[in-house]
Amino acid sequence: MNIKTIASMAGVSVATVSKIINNYTDISEETRQRVLKIMEETGYRPSSSAKTLATKKSNLVGVIFAGKLNVDFSHPFFVDIINVFKKQIGLLGYDLLFFSNEKFLVNGEDYLARSKYFSVDGCIIIAGDEVEKSVFDLDASPIPCIGVDIELTGASSCYIMSDNQKISMKVVEHFYMNGYREMGFIGIERPSLVIKEREEAFIASLKRFSLDVRPEWIVYGKDYAAEDGYQIAKAWIQQGNLPKAIFAATDLLAFGAIRAFKESGLRVPEDIAVVGCDDIEACRYTEPPLTTVKQDKQKIGRLAAMVLFDLMNKQMDTKCIKVEPELVIRSSCGARQQWNHTKVKS
């Protein structure tokens, strides 16, 4: 059973059946009901490819975890964002198509060609490290794209990220208000817009309070993993030159640093205070519970869906949306007891 058979049984053209399937209004009600009755009696359901050809819309959104060193389903921050995005974009009538980059990183990647092949209506791009050139070819194309933690500049693109300058400002200000003057920063050595903005704002915030910027206390791991934070903290301990407070650019880095300090007999926060970033679920259950800067994953995921929907319908021309972060105070930062387990907003 196909569209030609339905047209023949109803005594109408294939074009008429196609218009009825896709809810065109220039068909008489009598003809519409006759065709719909035949479709119901025969159990015919139009294929998605037929509907796509007729409407030029697939109702598919491509999901791209970009980068040779890509963030994927093992990263709790981005998983939460994609889950929220999936629910919101689903309510707007779209399904998701996940693109794998493993094979064509070797054979020559081309996200744009793949997006055209599957006729996606738009794409969400989640940024990893060492992002492929093909991502920016897609960004420059007419296909609407929404980026998360990646700067997109295409005419049909927009990107969303937390306000990374405010993340570092909140941390330094909080340390300063609680009497800390010797502060260190743990980042990632690979190129990353997010980490770069956090580091620059950290240094600027130290200068704002007339505090020393100590190069030996601004260090970088190779990855976002807890092991990198652990090794950095071990090196600090061996050098015998520790800051009194540390801002780790991710919660995982903070977890590793705390483990190293505790193994060496240092108490957190009595001997050294630690603050992370992201507020992943595990922060509540570490010992001590981790003070961190919460990125609003719910808001980022929903905004990404709503903005992409507007881009796909040519109703959006904003380039960048920054989401307000929130400092979540727990025990690891050495804050006054009455501030513990509360949230501070600027």
C-alpha atoms as a PDB file:
ATOM      1  CA  MET A   1       0.000   0.000   0.000  1.00  0.00           C
ATOM      2  CA  ASN A   2       1.376   3.360  -1.055  1.00  0.00           C
ATOM      3  CA  ILE A   3       0.246   6.856  -1.917  1.00  0.00           C
ATOM      4  CA  LYS A   4      -0.403   5.947  -5.557  1.00  0.00           C
ATOM      5  CA  THR A   5      -2.725   3.101  -4.528  1.00  0.00           C
ATOM      6  CA  ILE A   6      -4.636   5.386  -2.168  1.00  0.00           C
ATOM      7  CA  ALA A   7      -5.010   7.982  -4.948  1.00  0.00           C
ATOM      8  CA  SER A   8      -6.274   5.329  -7.396  1.00  0.00           C
ATOM      9  CA  MET A   9      -8.808   3.928  -4.890  1.00  0.00           C
ATOM     10  CA  ALA A  10     -10.123   7.431  -4.111  1.00  0.00           C
ATOM     11  CA  GLY A  11     -10.185   8.539  -7.739  1.00  0.00           C
ATOM     12  CA  VAL A  12      -7.930  11.529  -7.109  1.00  0.00           C
ATOM     13  CA  SER A  13      -4.392  12.538  -8.011  1.00  0.00           C
ATOM     14  CA  VAL A  14      -1.288  11.670  -5.984  1.00  0.00           C
ATOM     15  CA  ALA A  15      -0.825  15.415  -5.376  1.00  0.00           C
ATOM     16  CA  THR A  16      -4.288  15.606  -3.795  1.00  0.00           C
ATOM     17  CA  VAL A  17      -3.521  12.752  -1.397  1.00  0.00           C
ATOM     18  CA  SER A  18      -0.215  14.411  -0.505  1.00  0.00           C
ATOM     19  CA  LYS A  19      -2.002  17.684   0.274  1.00  0.00           C
ATOM     20  CA  ILE A  20      -4.486  15.885   2.527  1.00  0.00           C
ATOM     21  CA  ILE A  21      -1.691  14.086   4.367  1.00  0.00           C
ATOM     22  CA  ASN A  22       0.030  17.411   5.004  1.00  0.00           C
ATOM     23  CA  ASN A  23      -3.114  19.349   5.973  1.00  0.00           C
ATOM     24  CA  TYR A  24      -3.347  21.715   3.011  1.00  0.00           C
ATOM     25  CA  THR A  25      -6.588  23.692   3.047  1.00  0.00           C
ATOM     26  CA  ASP A  26      -7.335  23.916  -0.688  1.00  0.00           C
ATOM     27  CA  ILE A  27      -9.076  20.500  -0.780  1.00  0.00           C
ATOM     28  CA  SER A  28     -12.836  20.077  -0.480  1.00  0.00           C
ATOM     29  CA  GLU A  29     -14.064  18.522   2.740  1.00  0.00           C
ATOM     30  CA  GLU A  30     -15.868  15.760   0.801  1.00  0.00           C
ATOM     31  CA  THR A  31     -12.646  14.714  -0.960  1.00  0.00           C
ATOM     32  CA  ARG A  32     -10.657  14.950   2.272  1.00  0.00           C
ATOM     33  CA  GLN A  33     -13.052  12.674   4.160  1.00  0.00           C
ATOM     34  CA  ARG A  34     -13.163  10.135   1.308  1.00  0.00           C
ATOM     35  CA  VAL A  35      -9.380   9.850   1.194  1.00  0.00           C
ATOM     36  CA  LEU A  36      -9.029   9.722   4.993  1.00  0.00           C
ATOM     37  CA  LYS A  37     -11.649   6.956   5.177  1.00  0.00           C
ATOM     38  CA  ILE A  38      -9.735   4.851   2.634  1.00  0.00           C
ATOM     39  CA  MET A  39      -6.496   5.430   4.525  1.00  0.00           C
ATOM     40  CA  GLU A  40      -8.153   4.322   7.748  1.00  0.00           C
ATOM     41  CA  GLU A  41      -9.749   1.233   6.205  1.00  0.00           C
ATOM     42  CA  THR A  42      -6.519   0.115   4.586  1.00  0.00           C
ATOM     43  CA  GLY A  43      -4.317   0.976   7.571  1.00  0.00           C
ATOM     44  CA  TYR A  44      -2.109   3.161   5.381  1.00  0.00           C
ATOM     45  CA  ARG A  45       0.351   5.431   7.145  1.00  0.00           C
ATOM     46  CA  PRO A  46       2.452   7.867   5.087  1.00  0.00           C
ATOM     47  CA  SER A  47       6.218   7.428   5.401  1.00  0.00           C
ATOM     48  CA  SER A  48       8.286  10.146   7.035  1.00  0.00           C
ATOM     49  CA  SER A  49      10.250  10.562   3.796  1.00  0.00           C
ATOM     50  CA  ALA A  50       7.031  11.245   1.884  1.00  0.00           C
ATOM     51  CA  LYS A  51       5.980  13.867   4.405  1.00  0.00           C
ATOM     52  CA  THR A  52       9.426  15.436   4.333  1.00  0.00           C
ATOM     53  CA  LEU A  53       9.317  15.764   0.554  1.00  0.00           C
ATOM     54  CA  ALA A  54       5.902  17.375   0.732  1.00  0.00           C
ATOM     55  CA  THR A  55       6.518  19.800   3.591  1.00  0.00           C
ATOM     56  CA  LYS A  56      10.317  20.306   3.320  1.00  0.00           C
ATOM     57  CA  LYS A  57      10.390  19.524   7.064  1.00  0.00           C
ATOM     58  CA  SER A  58      11.594  16.298   8.670  1.00  0.00           C
ATOM     59  CA  ASN A  59      10.817  17.246  12.286  1.00  0.00           C
ATOM     60  CA  LEU A  60      14.266  15.859  13.103  1.00  0.00           C
ATOM     61  CA  VAL A  61      16.941  17.660  15.128  1.00  0.00           C
ATOM     62  CA  GLY A  62      20.536  16.497  14.879  1.00  0.00           C
ATOM     63  CA  VAL A  63      22.499  16.115  18.127  1.00  0.00           C
ATOM     64  CA  ILE A  64      26.256  16.566  17.742  1.00  0.00           C
ATOM     65  CA  PHE A  65      28.814  15.942  20.480  1.00  0.00           C
ATOM     66  CA  ALA A  66      31.605  17.829  18.750  1.00  0.00           C
ATOM     67  CA  GLY A  67      35.327  17.496  19.193  1.00  0.00           C
ATOM     68  CA  LYS A  68      38.116  14.984  18.741  1.00  0.00           C
ATOM     69  CA  LEU A  69      38.208  14.833  22.525  1.00  0.00           C
ATOM     70  CA  ASN A  70      34.467  14.887  22.775  1.00  0.00           C
ATOM     71  CA  VAL A  71      32.203  15.322  25.740  1.00  0.00           C
ATOM     72  CA  ASP A  72      29.644  12.538  25.617  1.00  0.00           C
ATOM     73  CA  PHE A  73      27.174  10.587  27.733  1.00  0.00           C
ATOM     74  CA  SER A  74      29.814  10.091  30.422  1.00  0.00           C
ATOM     75  CA  HIS A  75      29.717  13.794  31.307  1.00  0.00           C
ATOM     76  CA  PRO A  76      26.956  14.466  33.890  1.00  0.00           C
ATOM     77  CA  PHE A  77      26.615  18.167  33.063  1.00  0.00           C
ATOM     78  CA  PHE A  78      25.904  17.694  29.359  1.00  0.00           C
ATOM     79  CA  VAL A  79      23.748  14.598  29.898  1.00  0.00           C
ATOM     80  CA  ASP A  80      21.410  16.631  32.099  1.00  0.00           C
ATOM     81  CA  ILE A  81      21.199  19.388  29.483  1.00  0.00           C
ATOM     82  CA  ILE A  82      20.415  16.932  26.671  1.00  0.00           C
ATOM     83  CA  ASN A  83      17.715  15.239  28.765  1.00  0.00           C
ATOM     84  CA  VAL A  84      15.972  18.575  29.367  1.00  0.00           C
ATOM     85  CA  PHE A  85      16.448  19.559  25.709  1.00  0.00           C
ATOM     86  CA  LYS A  86      14.970  16.223  24.558  1.00  0.00           C
ATOM     87  CA  LYS A  87      11.814  16.695  26.611  1.00  0.00           C
ATOM     88  CA  GLN A  88      11.262  20.299  25.527  1.00  0.00           C
ATOM     89  CA  ILE A  89      11.981  19.785  21.823  1.00  0.00           C
ATOM     90  CA  GLY A  90       9.754  16.690  21.926  1.00  0.00           C
ATOM     91  CA  LEU A  91       6.872  18.804  23.207  1.00  0.00           C
ATOM     92  CA  LEU A  92       7.455  21.043  20.181  1.00  0.00           C
ATOM     93  CA  GLY A  93       7.042  18.071  17.840  1.00  0.00           C
ATOM     94  CA  TYR A  94      10.618  17.032  17.059  1.00  0.00           C
ATOM     95  CA  ASP A  95      12.591  13.800  17.345  1.00  0.00           C
ATOM     96  CA  LEU A  96      16.350  13.588  17.907  1.00  0.00           C
ATOM     97  CA  LEU A  97      18.965  12.055  15.618  1.00  0.00           C
ATOM     98  CA  PHE A  98      22.339  11.480  17.303  1.00  0.00           C
ATOM     99  CA  PHE A  99      25.413  11.859  15.098  1.00  0.00           C
ATOM    100  CA  SER A 100      28.491   9.773  15.855  1.00  0.00           C
ATOM    101  CA  ASN A 101      31.827  11.332  14.936  1.00  0.00           C
ATOM    102  CA  GLU A 102      34.120   8.353  15.547  1.00  0.00           C
ATOM    103  CA  LYS A 103      34.162   6.975  12.001  1.00  0.00           C
ATOM    104  CA  PHE A 104      34.417  10.125   9.979  1.00  0.00           C
ATOM    105  CA  LEU A 105      37.017  11.676  12.235  1.00  0.00           C
ATOM    106  CA  VAL A 106      39.229   9.102  10.520  1.00  0.00           C
ATOM    107  CA  ASN A 107      37.730   9.212   7.020  1.00  0.00           C
ATOM    108  CA  GLY A 108      37.102  12.954   6.772  1.00  0.00           C
ATOM    109  CA  GLU A 109      34.309  14.459   8.809  1.00  0.00           C
ATOM    110  CA  ASP A 110      31.363  16.330   7.323  1.00  0.00           C
ATOM    111  CA  TYR A 111      28.478  17.196   9.626  1.00  0.00           C
ATOM    112  CA  LEU A 112      26.924  19.429   6.989  1.00  0.00           C
ATOM    113  CA  ALA A 113      26.644  16.612   4.422  1.00  0.00           C
ATOM    114  CA  ARG A 114      25.192  14.299   7.041  1.00  0.00           C
ATOM    115  CA  SER A 115      22.658  16.911   8.149  1.00  0.00           C
ATOM    116  CA  LYS A 116      21.561  17.387   4.535  1.00  0.00           C
ATOM    117  CA  TYR A 117      21.371  13.631   3.957  1.00  0.00           C
ATOM    118  CA  PHE A 118      18.962  13.167   6.862  1.00  0.00           C
ATOM    119  CA  SER A 119      17.150  16.444   6.082  1.00  0.00           C
ATOM    120  CA  VAL A 120      17.349  17.618   9.710  1.00  0.00           C
ATOM    121  CA  ASP A 121      15.510  20.838  10.439  1.00  0.00           C
ATOM    122  CA  GLY A 122      18.224  22.003  12.840  1.00  0.00           C
ATOM    123  CA  CYS A 123      21.084  20.869  15.090  1.00  0.00           C
ATOM    124  CA  ILE A 124      22.202  21.208  18.685  1.00  0.00           C
ATOM    125  CA  ILE A 125      25.996  21.187  19.045  1.00  0.00           C
ATOM    126  CA  ILE A 126      27.567  20.230  22.381  1.00  0.00           C
ATOM    127  CA  ALA A 127      31.179  21.375  22.522  1.00  0.00           C
ATOM    128  CA  GLY A 128      34.099  19.156  23.392  1.00  0.00           C
ATOM    129  CA  ASP A 129      37.758  19.978  22.778  1.00  0.00           C
ATOM    130  CA  GLU A 130      39.635  20.241  19.470  1.00  0.00           C
ATOM    131  CA  VAL A 131      36.394  20.838  17.609  1.00  0.00           C
ATOM    132  CA  GLU A 132      36.391  19.676  13.992  1.00  0.00           C
ATOM    133  CA  LYS A 133      36.354  22.233  11.163  1.00  0.00           C
ATOM    134  CA  SER A 134      33.209  20.549   9.897  1.00  0.00           C
ATOM    135  CA  VAL A 135      31.287  21.926  12.885  1.00  0.00           C
ATOM    136  CA  PHE A 136      31.969  25.461  11.699  1.00  0.00           C
ATOM    137  CA  ASP A 137      31.051  24.531   8.113  1.00  0.00           C
ATOM    138  CA  LEU A 138      27.684  23.468   9.502  1.00  0.00           C
ATOM    139  CA  ASP A 139      27.497  26.689  11.533  1.00  0.00           C
ATOM    140  CA  ALA A 140      28.071  28.740   8.366  1.00  0.00           C
ATOM    141  CA  SER A 141      25.320  26.888   6.462  1.00  0.00           C
ATOM    142  CA  PRO A 142      21.610  27.827   6.311  1.00  0.00           C
ATOM    143  CA  ILE A 143      20.796  24.926   8.683  1.00  0.00           C
ATOM    144  CA  PRO A 144      19.744  26.412  12.072  1.00  0.00           C
ATOM    145  CA  CYS A 145      22.138  25.487  14.901  1.00  0.00           C
ATOM    146  CA  ILE A 146      22.147  26.063  18.633  1.00  0.00           C
ATOM    147  CA  GLY A 147      25.483  25.655  20.414  1.00  0.00           C
ATOM    148  CA  VAL A 148      26.056  24.827  24.074  1.00  0.00           C
ATOM    149  CA  ASP A 149      29.420  26.064  25.383  1.00  0.00           C
ATOM    150  CA  ILE A 150      30.642  26.732  21.847  1.00  0.00           C
ATOM    151  CA  GLU A 151      30.643  30.101  20.101  1.00  0.00           C
ATOM    152  CA  LEU A 152      28.675  29.978  16.846  1.00  0.00           C
ATOM    153  CA  THR A 153      28.576  32.935  14.459  1.00  0.00           C
ATOM    154  CA  GLY A 154      26.538  31.699  11.476  1.00  0.00           C
ATOM    155  CA  ALA A 155      23.554  33.650  10.189  1.00  0.00           C
ATOM    156  CA  SER A 156      21.203  30.856  11.304  1.00  0.00           C
ATOM    157  CA  SER A 157      22.992  30.051  14.569  1.00  0.00           C
ATOM    158  CA  CYS A 158      22.951  31.022  18.233  1.00  0.00           C
ATOM    159  CA  TYR A 159      24.780  29.761  21.311  1.00  0.00           C
ATOM    160  CA  ILE A 160      24.047  29.440  25.019  1.00  0.00           C
ATOM    161  CA  MET A 161      26.407  29.202  27.953  1.00  0.00           C
ATOM    162  CA  SER A 162      26.606  30.107  31.592  1.00  0.00           C
ATOM    163  CA  ASP A 163      28.077  33.511  32.349  1.00  0.00           C
ATOM    164  CA  ASN A 164      31.610  32.227  33.002  1.00  0.00           C
ATOM    165  CA  GLN A 165      32.933  35.621  34.071  1.00  0.00           C
ATOM    166  CA  LYS A 166      30.341  35.752  36.834  1.00  0.00           C
ATOM    167  CA  ILE A 167      31.181  32.188  37.889  1.00  0.00           C
ATOM    168  CA  SER A 168      34.751  33.164  38.796  1.00  0.00           C
ATOM    169  CA  MET A 169      33.724  36.534  40.209  1.00  0.00           C
ATOM    170  CA  LYS A 170      31.299  34.863  42.617  1.00  0.00           C
ATOM    171  CA  VAL A 171      33.936  32.400  43.818  1.00  0.00           C
ATOM    172  CA  VAL A 172      36.692  34.979  44.387  1.00  0.00           C
ATOM    173  CA  GLU A 173      34.283  37.375  46.084  1.00  0.00           C
ATOM    174  CA  HIS A 174      33.035  34.616  48.369  1.00  0.00           C
ATOM    175  CA  PHE A 175      36.575  33.574  49.341  1.00  0.00           C
ATOM    176  CA  TYR A 176      37.504  37.209  49.935  1.00  0.00           C
ATOM    177  CA  MET A 177      34.473  37.852  52.148  1.00  0.00           C
ATOM    178  CA  ASN A 178      35.429  34.833  54.252  1.00  0.00           C
ATOM    179  CA  GLY A 179      38.955  36.038  54.886  1.00  0.00           C
ATOM    180  CA  TYR A 180      40.948  34.173  52.218  1.00  0.00           C
ATOM    181  CA  ARG A 181      43.664  36.099  50.414  1.00  0.00           C
ATOM    182  CA  GLU A 182      45.846  33.368  48.867  1.00  0.00           C
ATOM    183  CA  MET A 183      43.840  31.729  46.086  1.00  0.00           C
ATOM    184  CA  GLY A 184      44.665  29.177  43.414  1.00  0.00           C
ATOM    185  CA  PHE A 185      42.958  28.037  40.205  1.00  0.00           C
ATOM    186  CA  ILE A 186      42.837  24.582  38.570  1.00  0.00           C
ATOM    187  CA  GLY A 187      41.922  24.601  34.880  1.00  0.00           C
ATOM    188  CA  ILE A 188      42.413  22.602  31.692  1.00  0.00           C
ATOM    189  CA  GLU A 189      45.415  23.095  29.406  1.00  0.00           C
ATOM    190  CA  ARG A 190      43.494  22.369  26.180  1.00  0.00           C
ATOM    191  CA  PRO A 191      41.911  25.271  24.259  1.00  0.00           C
ATOM    192  CA  SER A 192      38.414  25.898  25.634  1.00  0.00           C
ATOM    193  CA  LEU A 193      36.353  29.079  25.535  1.00  0.00           C
ATOM    194  CA  VAL A 194      34.667  28.154  28.818  1.00  0.00           C
ATOM    195  CA  ILE A 195      37.875  27.512  30.793  1.00  0.00           C
ATOM    196  CA  LYS A 196      39.583  30.530  29.228  1.00  0.00           C
ATOM    197  CA  GLU A 197      36.769  32.827  30.354  1.00  0.00           C
ATOM    198  CA  ARG A 198      36.802  31.368  33.873  1.00  0.00           C
ATOM    199  CA  GLU A 199      40.573  31.775  34.207  1.00  0.00           C
ATOM    200  CA  GLU A 200      40.592  35.346  32.871  1.00  0.00           C
ATOM    201  CA  ALA A 201      37.764  36.339  35.191  1.00  0.00           C
ATOM    202  CA  PHE A 202      39.509  34.649  38.132  1.00  0.00           C
ATOM    203  CA  ILE A 203      42.658  36.725  37.551  1.00  0.00           C
ATOM    204  CA  ALA A 204      40.652  39.911  36.990  1.00  0.00           C
ATOM    205  CA  SER A 205      38.735  39.303  40.218  1.00  0.00           C
ATOM    206  CA  LEU A 206      41.949  38.856  42.217  1.00  0.00           C
ATOM    207  CA  LYS A 207      43.184  42.176  40.855  1.00  0.00           C
ATOM    208  CA  ARG A 208      39.855  43.789  41.687  1.00  0.00           C
ATOM    209  CA  PHE A 209      40.513  43.035  45.370  1.00  0.00           C
ATOM    210  CA  SER A 210      44.230  43.962  45.091  1.00  0.00           C
ATOM    211  CA  LEU A 211      45.279  40.350  45.673  1.00  0.00           C
ATOM    212  CA  ASP A 212      48.458  38.765  44.339  1.00  0.00           C
ATOM    213  CA  VAL A 213      48.234  36.718  41.141  1.00  0.00           C
ATOM    214  CA  ARG A 214      50.651  33.842  41.758  1.00  0.00           C
ATOM    215  CA  PRO A 215      51.484  31.979  38.489  1.00  0.00           C
ATOM    216  CA  GLU A 216      52.462  28.848  40.440  1.00  0.00           C
ATOM    217  CA  TRP A 217      48.923  28.723  41.802  1.00  0.00           C
ATOM    218  CA  ILE A 218      47.265  28.836  38.384  1.00  0.00           C
ATOM    219  CA  VAL A 219      47.714  25.328  36.999  1.00  0.00           C
ATOM    220  CA  TYR A 220      46.212  23.096  34.329  1.00  0.00           C
ATOM    221  CA  GLY A 221      45.326  19.442  34.000  1.00  0.00           C
ATOM    222  CA  LYS A 222      45.155  17.524  30.738  1.00  0.00           C
ATOM    223  CA  ASP A 223      41.502  16.601  31.225  1.00  0.00           C
ATOM    224  CA  TYR A 224      38.386  17.377  33.255  1.00  0.00           C
ATOM    225  CA  ALA A 225      38.740  14.138  35.257  1.00  0.00           C
ATOM    226  CA  ALA A 226      39.165  13.800  39.013  1.00  0.00           C
ATOM    227  CA  GLU A 227      42.556  12.167  38.432  1.00  0.00           C
ATOM    228  CA  ASP A 228      43.876  15.430  36.956  1.00  0.00           C
ATOM    229  CA  GLY A 229      42.775  17.397  40.011  1.00  0.00           C
ATOM    230  CA  TYR A 230      44.400  14.757  42.198  1.00  0.00           C
ATOM    231  CA  GLN A 231      47.762  14.962  40.409  1.00  0.00           C
ATOM    232  CA  ILE A 232      47.786  18.776  40.476  1.00  0.00           C
ATOM    233  CA  ALA A 233      47.078  18.859  44.201  1.00  0.00           C
ATOM    234  CA  LYS A 234      49.782  16.212  44.843  1.00  0.00           C
ATOM    235  CA  ALA A 235      52.310  18.363  42.972  1.00  0.00           C
ATOM    236  CA  TRP A 236      51.362  21.405  45.060  1.00  0.00           C
ATOM    237  CA  ILE A 237      51.760  19.387  48.256  1.00  0.00           C
ATOM    238  CA  GLN A 238      55.182  18.086  47.202  1.00  0.00           C
ATOM    239  CA  GLN A 239      56.339  21.634  46.450  1.00  0.00           C
ATOM    240  CA  GLY A 240      55.240  22.673  49.932  1.00  0.00           C
ATOM    241  CA  ASN A 241      53.674  25.851  48.594  1.00  0.00           C
ATOM    242  CA  LEU A 242      49.896  25.736  48.853  1.00  0.00           C
ATOM    243  CA  PRO A 243      47.257  28.452  48.473  1.00  0.00           C
ATOM    244  CA  LYS A 244      44.685  28.705  51.232  1.00  0.00           C
ATOM    245  CA  ALA A 245      41.715  28.460  48.882  1.00  0.00           C
ATOM    246  CA  ILE A 246      41.268  26.763  45.499  1.00  0.00           C
ATOM    247  CA  PHE A 247      38.771  27.256  42.702  1.00  0.00           C
ATOM    248  CA  ALA A 248      38.597  24.171  40.468  1.00  0.00           C
ATOM    249  CA  ALA A 249      37.045  24.868  37.062  1.00  0.00           C
ATOM    250  CA  THR A 250      34.951  21.670  37.283  1.00  0.00           C
ATOM    251  CA  ASP A 251      33.551  19.615  40.143  1.00  0.00           C
ATOM    252  CA  LEU A 252      35.496  16.543  39.014  1.00  0.00           C
ATOM    253  CA  LEU A 253      38.791  18.425  39.323  1.00  0.00           C
ATOM    254  CA  ALA A 254      37.736  19.551  42.799  1.00  0.00           C
ATOM    255  CA  PHE A 255      36.931  15.960  43.858  1.00  0.00           C
ATOM    256  CA  GLY A 256      40.422  14.833  42.863  1.00  0.00           C
ATOM    257  CA  ALA A 257      42.106  17.719  44.672  1.00  0.00           C
ATOM    258  CA  ILE A 258      40.183  17.038  47.897  1.00  0.00           C
ATOM    259  CA  ARG A 259      41.207  13.382  47.784  1.00  0.00           C
ATOM    260  CA  ALA A 260      44.892  14.353  47.465  1.00  0.00           C
ATOM    261  CA  PHE A 261      44.688  16.825  50.347  1.00  0.00           C
ATOM    262  CA  LYS A 262      43.003  14.314  52.646  1.00  0.00           C
ATOM    263  CA  GLU A 263      45.548  11.593  51.799  1.00  0.00           C
ATOM    264  CA  SER A 264      48.301  14.028  52.815  1.00  0.00           C
ATOM    265  CA  GLY A 265      46.677  14.777  56.166  1.00  0.00           C
ATOM    266  CA  LEU A 266      45.325  18.190  55.175  1.00  0.00           C
ATOM    267  CA  ARG A 267      41.829  19.049  56.325  1.00  0.00           C
ATOM    268  CA  VAL A 268      39.198  20.534  54.000  1.00  0.00           C
ATOM    269  CA  PRO A 269      38.194  23.264  54.718  1.00  0.00           C
ATOM    270  CA  GLU A 270      40.188  23.860  57.937  1.00  0.00           C
ATOM    271  CA  ASP A 271      43.588  23.783  56.196  1.00  0.00           C
ATOM    272  CA  ILE A 272      42.535  24.503  52.611  1.00  0.00           C
ATOM    273  CA  ALA A 273      39.182  25.547  51.155  1.00  0.00           C
ATOM    274  CA  VAL A 274      37.896  24.166  47.840  1.00  0.00           C
ATOM    275  CA  VAL A 275      35.151  25.310  45.452  1.00  0.00           C
ATOM    276  CA  GLY A 276      34.161  23.507  42.249  1.00  0.00           C
ATOM    277  CA  CYS A 277      31.903  24.321  39.318  1.00  0.00           C
ATOM    278  CA  ASP A 278      28.838  22.645  37.723  1.00  0.00           C
ATOM    279  CA  ASP A 279      26.980  21.339  40.830  1.00  0.00           C
ATOM    280  CA  ILE A 280      26.709  17.761  39.613  1.00  0.00           C
ATOM    281  CA  GLU A 281      24.733  15.385  41.837  1.00  0.00           C
ATOM    282  CA  ALA A 282      27.805  13.914  43.561  1.00  0.00           C
ATOM    283  CA  CYS A 283      28.656  17.295  45.159  1.00  0.00           C
ATOM    284  CA  ARG A 284      26.024  16.680  47.831  1.00  0.00           C
ATOM    285  CA  TYR A 285      27.565  13.386  48.930  1.00  0.00           C
ATOM    286  CA  THR A 286      31.305  14.060  49.064  1.00  0.00           C
ATOM    287  CA  GLU A 287      33.024  14.523  52.430  1.00  0.00           C
ATOM    288  CA  PRO A 288      32.924  17.391  53.022  1.00  0.00           C
ATOM    289  CA  PRO A 289      30.018  18.307  50.709  1.00  0.00           C
ATOM    290  CA  LEU A 290      31.398  20.444  47.891  1.00  0.00           C
ATOM    291  CA  THR A 291      30.701  24.147  47.567  1.00  0.00           C
ATOM    292  CA  THR A 292      30.266  24.795  43.858  1.00  0.00           C
ATOM    293  CA  VAL A 293      28.861  27.158  41.274  1.00  0.00           C
ATOM    294  CA  LYS A 294      25.642  25.802  39.867  1.00  0.00           C
ATOM    295  CA  GLN A 295      25.064  26.104  36.166  1.00  0.00           C
ATOM    296  CA  ASP A 296      21.317  26.089  35.556  1.00  0.00           C
ATOM    297  CA  LYS A 297      21.136  22.926  33.415  1.00  0.00           C
ATOM    298  CA  GLN A 298      17.341  22.990  33.331  1.00  0.00           C
ATOM    299  CA  LYS A 299      17.290  26.527  31.998  1.00  0.00           C
ATOM    300  CA  ILE A 300      20.107  25.928  29.500  1.00  0.00           C
ATOM    301  CA  GLY A 301      18.380  22.808  28.120  1.00  0.00           C
ATOM    302  CA  ARG A 302      14.976  24.453  27.808  1.00  0.00           C
ATOM    303  CA  LEU A 303      16.388  27.643  26.341  1.00  0.00           C
ATOM    304  CA  ALA A 304      18.360  25.613  23.792  1.00  0.00           C
ATOM    305  CA  ALA A 305      15.158  23.901  22.647  1.00  0.00           C
ATOM    306  CA  MET A 306      13.073  27.072  22.504  1.00  0.00           C
ATOM    307  CA  VAL A 307      15.754  29.124  20.729  1.00  0.00           C
ATOM    308  CA  LEU A 308      16.423  26.371  18.181  1.00  0.00           C
ATOM    309  CA  PHE A 309      12.675  26.138  17.522  1.00  0.00           C
ATOM    310  CA  ASP A 310      12.592  29.874  16.825  1.00  0.00           C
ATOM    311  CA  LEU A 311      15.700  29.623  14.629  1.00  0.00           C
ATOM    312  CA  MET A 312      14.068  26.851  12.602  1.00  0.00           C
ATOM    313  CA  ASN A 313      11.019  29.073  12.177  1.00  0.00           C
ATOM    314  CA  LYS A 314      13.123  32.173  11.372  1.00  0.00           C
ATOM    315  CA  GLN A 315      11.983  34.024  14.494  1.00  0.00           C
ATOM    316  CA  MET A 316      15.331  34.549  16.246  1.00  0.00           C
ATOM    317  CA  ASP A 317      18.372  36.665  15.429  1.00  0.00           C
ATOM    318  CA  THR A 318      20.162  36.841  18.807  1.00  0.00           C
ATOM    319  CA  LYS A 319      23.700  35.418  18.753  1.00  0.00           C
ATOM    320  CA  CYS A 320      24.539  34.695  22.398  1.00  0.00           C
ATOM    321  CA  ILE A 321      22.498  34.015  25.515  1.00  0.00           C
ATOM    322  CA  LYS A 322      24.294  33.863  28.876  1.00  0.00           C
ATOM    323  CA  VAL A 323      22.625  32.146  31.823  1.00  0.00           C
ATOM    324  CA  GLU A 324      23.111  33.427  35.363  1.00  0.00           C
ATOM    325  CA  PRO A 325      25.148  31.072  37.625  1.00  0.00           C
ATOM    326  CA  GLU A 326      24.472  30.458  41.302  1.00  0.00           C
ATOM    327  CA  LEU A 327      26.936  29.878  44.144  1.00  0.00           C
ATOM    328  CA  VAL A 328      25.839  26.884  46.233  1.00  0.00           C
ATOM    329  CA  ILE A 329      27.530  27.019  49.627  1.00  0.00           C
ATOM    330  CA  ARG A 330      28.297  23.765  51.384  1.00  0.00           C
ATOM    331  CA  SER A 331      31.077  22.762  53.795  1.00  0.00           C
ATOM    332  CA  SER A 332      34.194  22.600  51.601  1.00  0.00           C
ATOM    333  CA  CYS A 333      34.692  26.369  51.338  1.00  0.00           C
ATOM    334  CA  GLY A 334      35.027  27.140  55.040  1.00  0.00           C
ATOM    335  CA  ALA A 335      32.123  29.584  55.057  1.00  0.00           C
ATOM    336  CA  ARG A 336      30.470  30.590  58.297  1.00  0.00           C
ATOM    337  CA  GLN A 337      28.273  27.795  59.658  1.00  0.00           C
ATOM    338  CA  GLN A 338      25.042  29.724  59.270  1.00  0.00           C
ATOM    339  CA  TRP A 339      25.709  30.044  55.541  1.00  0.00           C
ATOM    340  CA  ASN A 340      26.093  26.312  54.987  1.00  0.00           C
ATOM    341  CA  HIS A 341      23.662  24.612  52.605  1.00  0.00           C
ATOM    342  CA  THR A 342      22.248  27.891  51.372  1.00  0.00           C
ATOM    343  CA  LYS A 343      22.383  29.539  47.968  1.00  0.00           C
ATOM    344  CA  VAL A 344      23.792  32.992  47.378  1.00  0.00           C
ATOM    345  CA  LYS A 345      22.669  34.989  44.362  1.00  0.00           C
ATOM    346  CA  SER A 346      24.176  38.217  43.151  1.00  0.00           C
END
